[in-house]
Amino acid sequence: MTNWFSKLSGQRQQHYNDKTKRESLDVLPFHLENCSGLISPDRLRIVRQFRENVESLLEILRVTLDATSVVLLWSGPTTGYLSVYAFSSSRSNLIMDKISVSSGIIGILKDRHEFFLAPYHRNSPSIPYYSDSSSVGSFFSLSLTCSESDQRKTGNYGILSIDRNSSAEWTTGDRRLITAIADQIRQHLLLSRDLLFTDIERRTLQLAFDGVRALNTALDLESVCCAAIQALKFIVNADIFALSLIHNESHEICYITGDTSNSLLNKRFLLEDSLVGQVVKYRRVLPETTSSGRRITTVNGLKLFDTYKSVLAIPLLQEDQPVLGVLIIADQREDLLSHQYRNMLEMIAVQVAVKIELARSHDKIQQMAITDPLTGIANRRAFQRGLAAMYERALRRTGSFSLIICDIDFFKRVNDVYGHPFGDHVIQQVACQFRDVVRTGDLAARIGGEEFAILLEDTESSGALDVAERLRKKVENLKLFCQGEVVPVTISLGVAAFPQSTDNREKMFNYADQALYSAKKGGRNRSVCWNVLN
């Protein structure tokens, strides 16, 4: 027995070696929709063992029946075709390419559970897994499904075929043996399939849990976007991940990773005439299939995603709420994003939508915590943080920065004469002038009732004094009216610089405050630098 088993194993291996490029030998004889990433390595080894067990059963059946070939054909992902999944044969002319379900004698099984022919005449329909079937004496074929329903209608079924040189009738014992082997294969298949799907479900839940856990660590919007992409990477390893937020008729790419240009960040694109626009309109994952052949561009005005073979756009939404954004995933591999992956990605997308809403609320609260409600510029807390941060940067870079402190001249008189509402209006108008003179990286803040401060990065005392004078003149030229009367408004300003005035942060604030006091004492509506006083 060892000799014939070794001989047949060698023949079978030779057939496999000759056909290493064919795609039909899947892990199991049913399509898994590219879910290999969801299957544990240990489970894959068990499933591969299933095919070896099937091949052993086919060899036993072939020897017992003195058959020429015993072949298990199974439907694959391509509708209307069968592929050789496992076989035992003494012939070398088996065809491993895809076989049409209506091809040759196999087509007779379309509406039957089994079919047998003895003797097999030369004018009988051909045996499609042979390139030449002239030596066949009899033939037997049995349909094999994995459930009570006829899976031939859904495209997931197998056909067990046996042929032999003898033209003798197939006896009752032959048929019982074939049926018993088919039942055993079916039971092995059901067990392997259930184990595999259980493993996929377990991995699905684990990946989804890992993704949600990563999201839960994020608070602000930037962190949520970064965590969202990391959560997606737990599930699928694609070339490009992007997150775009919706703004009325356009969307803005706020996060993107992969081989892309940073110039896309914070850039807006129109929703119309695009896949993203359709996702927002229909509130569903698109396209239905992720393979190439799409007629509509993914992002209006951007060809980047259209160069990839697999693209998926997922809406970020909660129940009846408007779509907040769209996740875009792209990869050069065909059909990368199977339905198993899509379901998980949609689960993560729901969590991302929730976190974006929370992040926006968090950002709003954070902004309110550092913003003066009357003027809209930074408050005292934000100023203190900014002063500490700018001081630390200047120390590391051996750079310079300046501080301007100012307040509105005779402001108590304004409140007493014209009332507090007009006093608030004066404060607001002065704050507007601050916005016009500060640069990106600088900070203007209201640090008291009518007192303001400006931090100027990479600015020495002379430059800060110039800024102070510009601001002073802008406020002096304001035309403010109360009940038809022009109300003149001026400010006094004090300037201190690091390291020219001092290299101590606390002293720097005190020096700027003393310079402000000097400006008021000298007649108000003027700018004074601490360096000039000393």
Protein backbone atom coordinates (compact mmCIF):
# COMPACT_ATOMS: atom_id res chain seq x y z
CA MET A 1 0.00 0.00 0.00
CA THR A 2 2.87 2.33 0.74
CA ASN A 3 4.18 1.95 -2.82
CA TRP A 4 0.98 2.89 -4.66
CA PHE A 5 0.22 5.69 -2.21
CA SER A 6 3.71 7.18 -2.67
CA LYS A 7 3.45 6.78 -6.42
CA LEU A 8 0.08 8.53 -6.63
CA SER A 9 1.23 11.28 -4.29
CA GLY A 10 4.18 11.87 -6.57
CA GLN A 11 1.91 12.06 -9.63
CA ARG A 12 -0.42 14.47 -7.87
CA GLN A 13 2.48 16.67 -6.73
CA GLN A 14 3.83 16.75 -10.28
CA HIS A 15 0.46 17.99 -11.51
CA TYR A 16 0.50 20.73 -8.86
CA ASN A 17 4.05 21.73 -9.64
CA ASP A 18 3.18 22.06 -13.32
CA LYS A 19 0.30 24.38 -12.45
CA THR A 20 1.77 26.64 -9.78
CA LYS A 21 0.39 29.78 -11.39
CA ARG A 22 -3.26 28.76 -11.42
CA GLU A 23 -5.51 30.56 -8.97
CA SER A 24 -8.21 27.90 -8.55
CA LEU A 25 -6.64 25.99 -5.65
CA ASP A 26 -8.11 28.11 -2.87
CA VAL A 27 -7.72 27.25 0.78
CA LEU A 28 -11.27 25.88 0.83
CA PRO A 29 -13.56 24.94 -2.05
CA PHE A 30 -15.65 28.08 -1.55
CA HIS A 31 -14.87 31.73 -2.13
CA LEU A 32 -13.61 33.68 0.90
CA GLU A 33 -13.70 37.13 -0.70
CA ASN A 34 -10.06 37.91 0.02
CA CYS A 35 -10.39 37.42 3.78
CA SER A 36 -7.03 35.72 4.32
CA GLY A 37 -5.98 38.58 6.59
CA LEU A 38 -8.82 37.67 8.93
CA ILE A 39 -7.76 34.03 9.35
CA SER A 40 -5.26 32.99 12.01
CA PRO A 41 -2.17 31.07 10.80
CA ASP A 42 -3.11 28.05 12.94
CA ARG A 43 -6.55 27.91 11.36
CA LEU A 44 -5.04 28.11 7.88
CA ARG A 45 -2.91 25.07 8.63
CA ILE A 46 -6.00 23.11 9.68
CA VAL A 47 -7.83 24.13 6.53
CA ARG A 48 -4.92 23.16 4.32
CA GLN A 49 -4.94 19.80 6.04
CA PHE A 50 -8.56 19.46 4.92
CA ARG A 51 -7.52 19.39 1.28
CA GLU A 52 -4.87 16.78 1.97
CA ASN A 53 -7.52 14.63 3.69
CA VAL A 54 -9.83 15.01 0.69
CA GLU A 55 -7.04 13.99 -1.67
CA SER A 56 -6.41 10.89 0.45
CA LEU A 57 -10.11 9.96 0.30
CA LEU A 58 -10.09 10.41 -3.47
CA GLU A 59 -7.05 8.15 -3.81
CA ILE A 60 -8.70 5.45 -1.68
CA LEU A 61 -11.85 5.70 -3.80
CA ARG A 62 -9.86 5.49 -7.05
CA VAL A 63 -7.92 2.40 -5.99
CA THR A 64 -10.99 0.65 -4.54
CA LEU A 65 -13.03 1.19 -7.72
CA ASP A 66 -10.03 0.60 -10.00
CA ALA A 67 -10.79 4.03 -11.49
CA THR A 68 -8.62 6.07 -13.81
CA SER A 69 -9.38 9.43 -12.19
CA VAL A 70 -11.40 10.72 -9.25
CA VAL A 71 -11.80 14.50 -9.44
CA LEU A 72 -13.51 16.98 -7.11
CA LEU A 73 -14.58 20.10 -9.00
CA TRP A 74 -15.77 23.14 -7.09
CA SER A 75 -17.36 26.42 -8.04
CA GLY A 76 -15.09 29.40 -7.59
CA PRO A 77 -15.51 33.17 -7.33
CA THR A 78 -16.14 33.40 -11.09
CA THR A 79 -19.80 32.63 -11.77
CA GLY A 80 -20.50 29.83 -14.25
CA TYR A 81 -17.18 28.04 -13.85
CA LEU A 82 -15.75 25.09 -11.94
CA SER A 83 -12.16 24.38 -10.99
CA VAL A 84 -10.29 21.21 -10.05
CA TYR A 85 -9.98 21.39 -6.27
CA ALA A 86 -8.52 17.93 -5.56
CA PHE A 87 -7.93 14.76 -7.56
CA SER A 88 -6.35 11.34 -7.78
CA SER A 89 -5.41 10.18 -11.28
CA SER A 90 -3.15 7.82 -13.16
CA ARG A 91 -3.33 10.04 -16.22
CA SER A 92 -1.25 13.11 -16.96
CA ASN A 93 -3.63 15.00 -19.25
CA LEU A 94 -5.87 16.64 -16.65
CA ILE A 95 -6.86 20.22 -17.46
CA MET A 96 -6.46 22.55 -14.47
CA ASP A 97 -7.96 25.63 -16.11
CA LYS A 98 -11.48 26.85 -15.30
CA ILE A 99 -14.26 24.61 -16.65
CA SER A 100 -17.67 25.89 -17.69
CA VAL A 101 -20.56 24.43 -15.66
CA SER A 102 -22.26 23.52 -18.94
CA SER A 103 -19.16 21.98 -20.49
CA GLY A 104 -19.30 18.40 -21.79
CA ILE A 105 -20.80 15.66 -19.70
CA ILE A 106 -20.67 17.88 -16.55
CA GLY A 107 -23.41 20.02 -18.05
CA ILE A 108 -25.86 17.11 -17.75
CA LEU A 109 -25.76 17.56 -13.95
CA LYS A 110 -27.33 20.98 -14.24
CA ASP A 111 -30.75 19.67 -13.18
CA ARG A 112 -29.69 16.37 -11.57
CA HIS A 113 -28.13 15.23 -8.32
CA GLU A 114 -26.17 12.38 -9.96
CA PHE A 115 -25.45 10.96 -13.37
CA PHE A 116 -23.69 7.78 -14.50
CA LEU A 117 -22.91 6.25 -17.88
CA ALA A 118 -21.73 2.69 -18.64
CA PRO A 119 -20.46 2.03 -21.14
CA TYR A 120 -19.08 5.41 -22.09
CA HIS A 121 -19.41 5.67 -25.89
CA ARG A 122 -17.06 7.62 -28.11
CA ASN A 123 -19.90 9.90 -29.19
CA SER A 124 -20.85 10.72 -25.57
CA PRO A 125 -20.29 14.29 -24.31
CA SER A 126 -16.64 14.95 -23.49
CA ILE A 127 -15.17 14.83 -20.00
CA PRO A 128 -14.08 18.47 -19.58
CA TYR A 129 -11.19 17.89 -17.19
CA TYR A 130 -9.40 15.77 -19.81
CA SER A 131 -7.70 17.01 -22.93
CA ASP A 132 -8.43 13.55 -24.41
CA SER A 133 -11.02 11.11 -23.01
CA SER A 134 -10.80 8.36 -25.65
CA SER A 135 -9.80 5.63 -23.15
CA VAL A 136 -12.74 6.11 -20.75
CA GLY A 137 -14.99 3.05 -20.33
CA SER A 138 -17.58 4.36 -17.79
CA PHE A 139 -18.32 7.57 -15.95
CA PHE A 140 -20.05 8.57 -12.68
CA SER A 141 -20.76 12.09 -11.41
CA LEU A 142 -22.36 13.29 -8.16
CA SER A 143 -23.37 16.80 -7.10
CA LEU A 144 -22.07 17.81 -3.69
CA THR A 145 -23.48 20.77 -1.70
CA CYS A 146 -22.90 22.01 1.84
CA SER A 147 -26.45 22.70 2.99
CA GLU A 148 -30.00 21.47 2.58
CA SER A 149 -30.69 24.07 -0.11
CA ASP A 150 -29.32 23.53 -3.60
CA GLN A 151 -26.25 25.75 -3.62
CA ARG A 152 -25.87 25.36 -7.36
CA LYS A 153 -28.32 28.27 -7.54
CA THR A 154 -25.99 30.44 -5.44
CA GLY A 155 -22.81 29.32 -7.18
CA ASN A 156 -21.27 27.38 -4.29
CA TYR A 157 -21.25 23.64 -4.93
CA GLY A 158 -19.01 20.75 -5.95
CA ILE A 159 -19.09 17.86 -8.38
CA LEU A 160 -17.40 14.56 -7.61
CA SER A 161 -16.54 12.72 -10.84
CA ILE A 162 -15.12 9.20 -11.35
CA ASP A 163 -14.10 7.57 -14.61
CA ARG A 164 -12.48 4.20 -15.31
CA ASN A 165 -11.34 2.01 -18.18
CA SER A 166 -13.92 -0.69 -17.43
CA SER A 167 -17.25 -0.32 -19.21
CA ALA A 168 -19.05 -2.43 -16.59
CA GLU A 169 -22.18 -1.14 -14.90
CA TRP A 170 -21.79 0.80 -11.67
CA THR A 171 -23.03 -1.58 -8.97
CA THR A 172 -25.09 -0.69 -5.92
CA GLY A 173 -21.96 -1.20 -3.82
CA ASP A 174 -20.00 1.21 -6.05
CA ARG A 175 -22.67 3.85 -5.71
CA ARG A 176 -22.89 3.41 -1.94
CA LEU A 177 -19.13 3.79 -1.61
CA ILE A 178 -19.09 6.92 -3.77
CA THR A 179 -21.99 8.41 -1.78
CA ALA A 180 -20.28 7.57 1.52
CA ILE A 181 -17.03 9.24 0.42
CA ALA A 182 -19.00 12.28 -0.81
CA ASP A 183 -20.80 12.51 2.55
CA GLN A 184 -17.50 12.28 4.40
CA ILE A 185 -16.03 15.05 2.27
CA ARG A 186 -19.15 17.13 2.90
CA GLN A 187 -18.89 16.65 6.67
CA HIS A 188 -15.18 17.55 6.65
CA LEU A 189 -16.00 20.60 4.57
CA LEU A 190 -18.80 21.76 6.88
CA LEU A 191 -16.56 21.39 9.92
CA SER A 192 -13.65 23.24 8.29
CA ARG A 193 -15.97 25.97 7.00
CA ASP A 194 -17.58 26.49 10.41
CA LEU A 195 -14.20 26.62 12.13
CA LEU A 196 -12.93 29.06 9.54
CA PHE A 197 -15.93 31.37 9.72
CA THR A 198 -15.83 31.29 13.52
CA ASP A 199 -12.18 32.29 13.32
CA ILE A 200 -13.03 35.10 10.88
CA GLU A 201 -15.78 36.38 13.17
CA ARG A 202 -13.42 36.28 16.14
CA ARG A 203 -10.73 38.14 14.24
CA THR A 204 -13.33 40.61 12.95
CA LEU A 205 -14.46 41.44 16.47
CA GLN A 206 -10.87 41.65 17.70
CA LEU A 207 -9.82 44.01 14.93
CA ALA A 208 -12.91 46.15 15.38
CA PHE A 209 -12.25 46.26 19.14
CA ASP A 210 -8.61 47.26 18.59
CA GLY A 211 -9.70 49.98 16.20
CA VAL A 212 -12.32 51.40 18.56
CA ARG A 213 -9.87 51.24 21.47
CA ALA A 214 -7.38 53.31 19.46
CA LEU A 215 -10.12 55.83 18.71
CA ASN A 216 -11.10 56.15 22.36
CA THR A 217 -7.71 57.62 23.22
CA ALA A 218 -8.28 60.64 20.94
CA LEU A 219 -9.87 63.89 22.09
CA ASP A 220 -9.20 66.75 19.69
CA LEU A 221 -10.11 66.63 15.99
CA GLU A 222 -6.55 66.16 14.76
CA SER A 223 -6.02 63.24 17.14
CA VAL A 224 -9.33 61.69 16.09
CA CYS A 225 -8.36 61.85 12.41
CA CYS A 226 -4.99 60.25 13.14
CA ALA A 227 -6.57 57.58 15.37
CA ALA A 228 -9.24 56.87 12.73
CA ILE A 229 -6.61 56.06 10.13
CA GLN A 230 -4.74 53.88 12.62
CA ALA A 231 -7.99 52.05 13.40
CA LEU A 232 -8.52 51.37 9.69
CA LYS A 233 -4.99 50.02 9.41
CA PHE A 234 -5.82 47.45 12.06
CA ILE A 235 -8.29 46.02 9.56
CA VAL A 236 -6.76 46.47 6.12
CA ASN A 237 -3.31 47.46 4.88
CA ALA A 238 -4.01 49.78 1.96
CA ASP A 239 -1.81 52.22 0.05
CA ILE A 240 -3.79 55.38 0.85
CA PHE A 241 -6.11 56.40 3.68
CA ALA A 242 -7.78 59.81 3.65
CA LEU A 243 -10.39 61.55 5.80
CA SER A 244 -12.33 64.43 4.33
CA LEU A 245 -14.82 66.59 6.22
CA ILE A 246 -17.96 68.02 4.61
CA HIS A 247 -18.55 71.78 4.28
CA ASN A 248 -21.89 72.44 2.56
CA GLU A 249 -21.18 71.87 -1.16
CA SER A 250 -17.50 71.00 -0.72
CA HIS A 251 -15.26 68.76 1.36
CA GLU A 252 -11.83 69.32 2.90
CA ILE A 253 -9.13 66.67 3.17
CA CYS A 254 -8.01 67.03 6.77
CA TYR A 255 -5.89 63.88 7.01
CA ILE A 256 -4.17 61.70 4.42
CA THR A 257 -1.46 59.08 4.62
CA GLY A 258 0.45 57.23 1.93
CA ASP A 259 2.48 58.26 -1.09
CA THR A 260 0.78 61.63 -1.44
CA SER A 261 1.64 65.31 -1.35
CA ASN A 262 1.04 67.38 1.78
CA SER A 263 -0.37 70.04 -0.52
CA LEU A 264 -3.69 68.15 -0.41
CA LEU A 265 -4.14 68.81 3.29
CA ASN A 266 -6.81 71.40 4.14
CA LYS A 267 -7.63 71.77 0.46
CA ARG A 268 -11.30 71.88 -0.51
CA PHE A 269 -12.94 70.10 -3.43
CA LEU A 270 -16.48 70.32 -4.82
CA LEU A 271 -18.82 67.47 -3.98
CA GLU A 272 -20.62 67.47 -7.32
CA ASP A 273 -19.63 65.02 -10.07
CA SER A 274 -17.62 62.82 -7.73
CA LEU A 275 -17.81 59.52 -5.87
CA VAL A 276 -17.48 61.40 -2.57
CA GLY A 277 -20.47 63.53 -3.56
CA GLN A 278 -22.55 60.43 -4.26
CA VAL A 279 -21.54 58.92 -0.92
CA VAL A 280 -22.79 62.07 0.83
CA LYS A 281 -25.97 62.19 -1.26
CA TYR A 282 -26.97 58.53 -0.91
CA ARG A 283 -25.46 58.03 2.59
CA ARG A 284 -23.94 54.67 1.69
CA VAL A 285 -20.60 53.00 1.02
CA LEU A 286 -19.58 53.29 -2.63
CA PRO A 287 -18.76 51.88 -5.08
CA GLU A 288 -20.66 48.61 -4.78
CA THR A 289 -17.57 46.86 -6.16
CA THR A 290 -14.10 48.21 -5.35
CA SER A 291 -12.40 47.08 -8.53
CA SER A 292 -11.39 49.34 -11.38
CA GLY A 293 -13.74 50.34 -14.17
CA ARG A 294 -15.42 53.27 -12.40
CA ARG A 295 -16.83 55.97 -14.62
CA ILE A 296 -16.95 58.74 -12.02
CA THR A 297 -13.92 60.38 -10.44
CA THR A 298 -13.42 59.84 -6.72
CA VAL A 299 -12.66 63.48 -5.87
CA ASN A 300 -13.73 66.31 -8.16
CA GLY A 301 -10.58 67.98 -9.48
CA LEU A 302 -8.18 65.34 -8.13
CA LYS A 303 -7.01 62.33 -10.16
CA LEU A 304 -4.93 60.75 -7.38
CA PHE A 305 -7.43 58.10 -6.26
CA ASP A 306 -8.48 57.25 -9.82
CA THR A 307 -5.05 55.75 -10.49
CA TYR A 308 -5.71 52.95 -7.97
CA LYS A 309 -7.45 49.67 -8.76
CA SER A 310 -9.39 49.38 -5.49
CA VAL A 311 -11.16 52.43 -4.04
CA LEU A 312 -13.74 52.59 -1.27
CA ALA A 313 -15.51 55.69 0.09
CA ILE A 314 -17.32 55.32 3.44
CA PRO A 315 -19.69 57.97 4.85
CA LEU A 316 -19.21 59.17 8.42
CA LEU A 317 -22.70 59.52 9.82
CA GLN A 318 -24.94 58.80 12.79
CA GLU A 319 -28.50 57.63 12.17
CA ASP A 320 -30.47 60.58 10.74
CA GLN A 321 -27.70 63.13 11.20
CA PRO A 322 -26.01 64.77 8.17
CA VAL A 323 -22.89 63.14 6.77
CA LEU A 324 -19.92 64.60 8.65
CA GLY A 325 -17.21 63.33 6.34
CA VAL A 326 -15.97 60.55 4.12
CA LEU A 327 -13.22 57.98 4.62
CA ILE A 328 -11.40 57.13 1.38
CA ILE A 329 -9.29 53.96 1.05
CA ALA A 330 -7.29 53.16 -2.09
CA ASP A 331 -4.96 50.35 -3.09
CA GLN A 332 -3.26 49.07 -6.24
CA ARG A 333 -4.53 45.52 -5.64
CA GLU A 334 -7.76 44.37 -7.29
CA ASP A 335 -10.78 43.70 -5.05
CA LEU A 336 -8.81 44.28 -1.87
CA LEU A 337 -11.82 45.36 0.16
CA SER A 338 -14.12 42.35 0.49
CA HIS A 339 -17.54 42.45 2.15
CA GLN A 340 -16.03 41.15 5.39
CA TYR A 341 -13.63 44.09 5.43
CA ARG A 342 -16.33 46.52 4.33
CA ASN A 343 -18.56 45.53 7.25
CA MET A 344 -15.76 46.15 9.73
CA LEU A 345 -14.80 49.43 8.09
CA GLU A 346 -18.41 50.61 8.36
CA MET A 347 -18.40 49.70 12.05
CA ILE A 348 -15.28 51.80 12.56
CA ALA A 349 -16.76 54.64 10.46
CA VAL A 350 -19.74 54.93 12.83
CA GLN A 351 -17.34 55.25 15.78
CA VAL A 352 -15.25 57.80 13.88
CA ALA A 353 -18.39 59.90 13.27
CA VAL A 354 -19.19 59.83 17.00
CA LYS A 355 -15.62 60.78 17.89
CA ILE A 356 -15.57 63.64 15.38
CA GLU A 357 -18.68 65.11 16.99
CA LEU A 358 -17.13 64.71 20.43
CA ALA A 359 -13.82 66.16 19.19
CA ARG A 360 -15.58 69.18 17.75
CA SER A 361 -17.35 69.73 21.06
CA HIS A 362 -14.05 69.24 22.89
CA ASP A 363 -12.27 71.69 20.57
CA LYS A 364 -15.09 74.19 21.04
CA ILE A 365 -14.84 73.90 24.83
CA GLN A 366 -11.05 74.17 24.67
CA GLN A 367 -11.33 77.23 22.45
CA MET A 368 -13.85 78.81 24.81
CA ALA A 369 -11.46 78.14 27.70
CA ILE A 370 -8.70 80.19 26.07
CA THR A 371 -10.80 82.84 24.28
CA ASP A 372 -12.05 86.12 25.68
CA PRO A 373 -15.83 86.08 25.10
CA LEU A 374 -16.13 89.85 24.58
CA THR A 375 -13.36 90.39 22.01
CA GLY A 376 -12.79 86.93 20.49
CA ILE A 377 -9.02 87.16 21.03
CA ALA A 378 -7.02 85.07 23.52
CA ASN A 379 -7.69 85.43 27.26
CA ARG A 380 -5.25 85.68 30.16
CA ARG A 381 -4.90 81.88 30.46
CA ALA A 382 -3.94 81.57 26.81
CA PHE A 383 -1.52 84.48 27.19
CA GLN A 384 0.25 82.81 30.13
CA ARG A 385 0.58 79.55 28.17
CA GLY A 386 1.80 81.44 25.11
CA LEU A 387 4.38 83.39 27.10
CA ALA A 388 5.75 80.16 28.63
CA ALA A 389 5.88 78.39 25.26
CA MET A 390 7.53 81.30 23.44
CA TYR A 391 10.06 81.67 26.25
CA GLU A 392 11.00 77.96 26.06
CA ARG A 393 11.38 78.13 22.26
CA ALA A 394 13.59 81.20 22.53
CA LEU A 395 15.81 79.43 25.06
CA ARG A 396 16.19 76.35 22.84
CA ARG A 397 16.90 78.32 19.68
CA THR A 398 18.85 81.14 21.33
CA GLY A 399 16.29 83.42 19.69
CA SER A 400 14.42 86.53 20.72
CA PHE A 401 10.83 87.60 21.32
CA SER A 402 9.09 90.68 22.64
CA LEU A 403 6.17 91.50 24.88
CA ILE A 404 3.88 94.52 24.56
CA ILE A 405 1.47 95.43 27.35
CA CYS A 406 -1.06 98.20 26.84
CA ASP A 407 -4.32 99.56 28.18
CA ILE A 408 -6.95 102.05 27.10
CA ASP A 409 -6.35 105.59 28.37
CA PHE A 410 -8.98 107.08 30.71
CA PHE A 411 -11.20 104.04 30.27
CA LYS A 412 -12.97 104.54 33.63
CA ARG A 413 -14.08 107.97 32.39
CA VAL A 414 -15.51 106.32 29.22
CA ASN A 415 -17.58 103.94 31.33
CA ASP A 416 -18.74 106.67 33.71
CA VAL A 417 -19.74 109.12 30.97
CA TYR A 418 -21.03 106.88 28.18
CA GLY A 419 -21.96 103.71 30.07
CA HIS A 420 -20.63 100.19 30.22
CA PRO A 421 -22.23 98.96 26.95
CA PHE A 422 -20.33 101.63 25.04
CA GLY A 423 -17.23 100.77 27.08
CA ASP A 424 -17.56 97.18 25.87
CA HIS A 425 -17.86 98.48 22.31
CA VAL A 426 -14.61 100.44 22.74
CA ILE A 427 -12.82 97.32 24.03
CA GLN A 428 -14.06 95.33 21.02
CA GLN A 429 -12.92 97.94 18.51
CA VAL A 430 -9.47 98.19 20.08
CA ALA A 431 -9.17 94.38 19.97
CA CYS A 432 -9.97 94.49 16.24
CA GLN A 433 -6.89 96.66 15.70
CA PHE A 434 -4.76 94.02 17.45
CA ARG A 435 -5.81 91.41 14.90
CA ASP A 436 -4.55 93.62 12.08
CA VAL A 437 -0.99 93.95 13.39
CA VAL A 438 -0.16 90.47 14.72
CA ARG A 439 1.36 87.80 12.45
CA THR A 440 0.89 84.06 12.34
CA GLY A 441 2.85 82.79 15.34
CA ASP A 442 2.24 85.96 17.36
CA LEU A 443 -0.43 86.21 20.06
CA ALA A 444 -2.79 89.03 21.02
CA ALA A 445 -4.70 88.67 24.28
CA ARG A 446 -6.99 90.54 26.63
CA ILE A 447 -5.44 90.07 30.08
CA GLY A 448 -7.64 92.41 32.13
CA GLY A 449 -10.62 94.74 31.92
CA GLU A 450 -9.10 97.25 29.46
CA GLU A 451 -5.60 95.76 29.46
CA PHE A 452 -4.11 93.86 26.50
CA ALA A 453 -0.85 92.06 25.70
CA ILE A 454 0.92 91.04 22.50
CA LEU A 455 3.64 88.40 22.14
CA LEU A 456 5.87 88.86 19.07
CA GLU A 457 8.02 85.85 18.15
CA ASP A 458 11.51 86.35 16.67
CA THR A 459 11.24 90.09 17.30
CA GLU A 460 13.74 92.34 19.07
CA SER A 461 12.88 95.49 20.99
CA SER A 462 13.20 97.88 18.02
CA GLY A 463 10.81 95.80 15.93
CA ALA A 464 8.38 95.49 18.83
CA LEU A 465 8.43 99.25 19.33
CA ASP A 466 7.53 99.72 15.66
CA VAL A 467 4.56 97.37 16.08
CA ALA A 468 3.48 99.23 19.21
CA GLU A 469 3.56 102.55 17.38
CA ARG A 470 1.53 101.19 14.45
CA LEU A 471 -1.06 99.88 16.86
CA ARG A 472 -1.16 103.12 18.81
CA LYS A 473 -1.78 105.15 15.65
CA LYS A 474 -4.50 102.79 14.44
CA VAL A 475 -6.39 103.17 17.73
CA GLU A 476 -5.86 106.95 17.73
CA ASN A 477 -7.42 107.15 14.28
CA LEU A 478 -10.56 105.24 15.30
CA LYS A 479 -13.82 107.13 14.84
CA LEU A 480 -16.15 105.99 17.60
CA PHE A 481 -19.52 107.66 18.16
CA CYS A 482 -21.90 107.61 21.08
CA GLN A 483 -25.24 109.37 20.62
CA GLY A 484 -23.82 111.34 17.71
CA GLU A 485 -20.77 112.50 19.68
CA VAL A 486 -17.22 111.54 18.64
CA VAL A 487 -15.43 109.78 21.50
CA PRO A 488 -11.63 109.90 21.21
CA VAL A 489 -9.82 106.71 22.23
CA THR A 490 -6.08 106.23 22.76
CA ILE A 491 -3.85 103.58 24.29
CA SER A 492 -0.52 103.55 26.08
CA LEU A 493 1.99 100.75 25.52
CA GLY A 494 5.03 99.30 27.29
CA VAL A 495 7.61 97.05 25.56
CA ALA A 496 10.15 94.53 26.88
CA ALA A 497 12.28 92.08 24.89
CA PHE A 498 14.08 88.78 25.47
CA PRO A 499 17.02 88.71 25.94
CA GLN A 500 17.73 92.45 25.48
CA SER A 501 15.63 93.56 28.47
CA THR A 502 16.07 90.39 30.54
CA ASP A 503 16.44 86.63 30.20
CA ASN A 504 13.93 86.02 33.01
CA ARG A 505 10.30 85.45 32.07
CA GLU A 506 8.73 86.96 35.21
CA LYS A 507 10.98 90.00 35.08
CA MET A 508 10.14 90.49 31.42
CA PHE A 509 6.44 90.91 32.26
CA ASN A 510 7.27 93.28 35.10
CA TYR A 511 9.56 95.36 32.88
CA ALA A 512 6.91 95.69 30.18
CA ASP A 513 4.40 96.71 32.85
CA GLN A 514 6.84 99.33 34.20
CA ALA A 515 7.37 100.63 30.67
CA LEU A 516 3.56 100.96 30.34
CA TYR A 517 3.44 102.89 33.63
CA SER A 518 6.16 105.18 32.28
CA ALA A 519 4.12 105.79 29.11
CA LYS A 520 1.05 106.77 31.18
CA LYS A 521 3.11 108.94 33.48
CA GLY A 522 4.64 110.66 30.46
CA GLY A 523 1.29 111.82 29.12
CA ARG A 524 -0.40 108.67 27.71
CA ASN A 525 -1.01 107.83 24.02
CA ARG A 526 2.60 106.78 23.60
CA SER A 527 4.87 103.71 23.42
CA VAL A 528 7.82 103.19 25.74
CA CYS A 529 10.48 100.45 25.62
CA TRP A 530 12.11 99.19 28.81
CA ASN A 531 15.52 99.28 27.12
CA VAL A 532 15.21 103.04 26.66
CA LEU A 533 14.39 103.55 30.32
CA ASN A 534 17.52 101.65 31.37
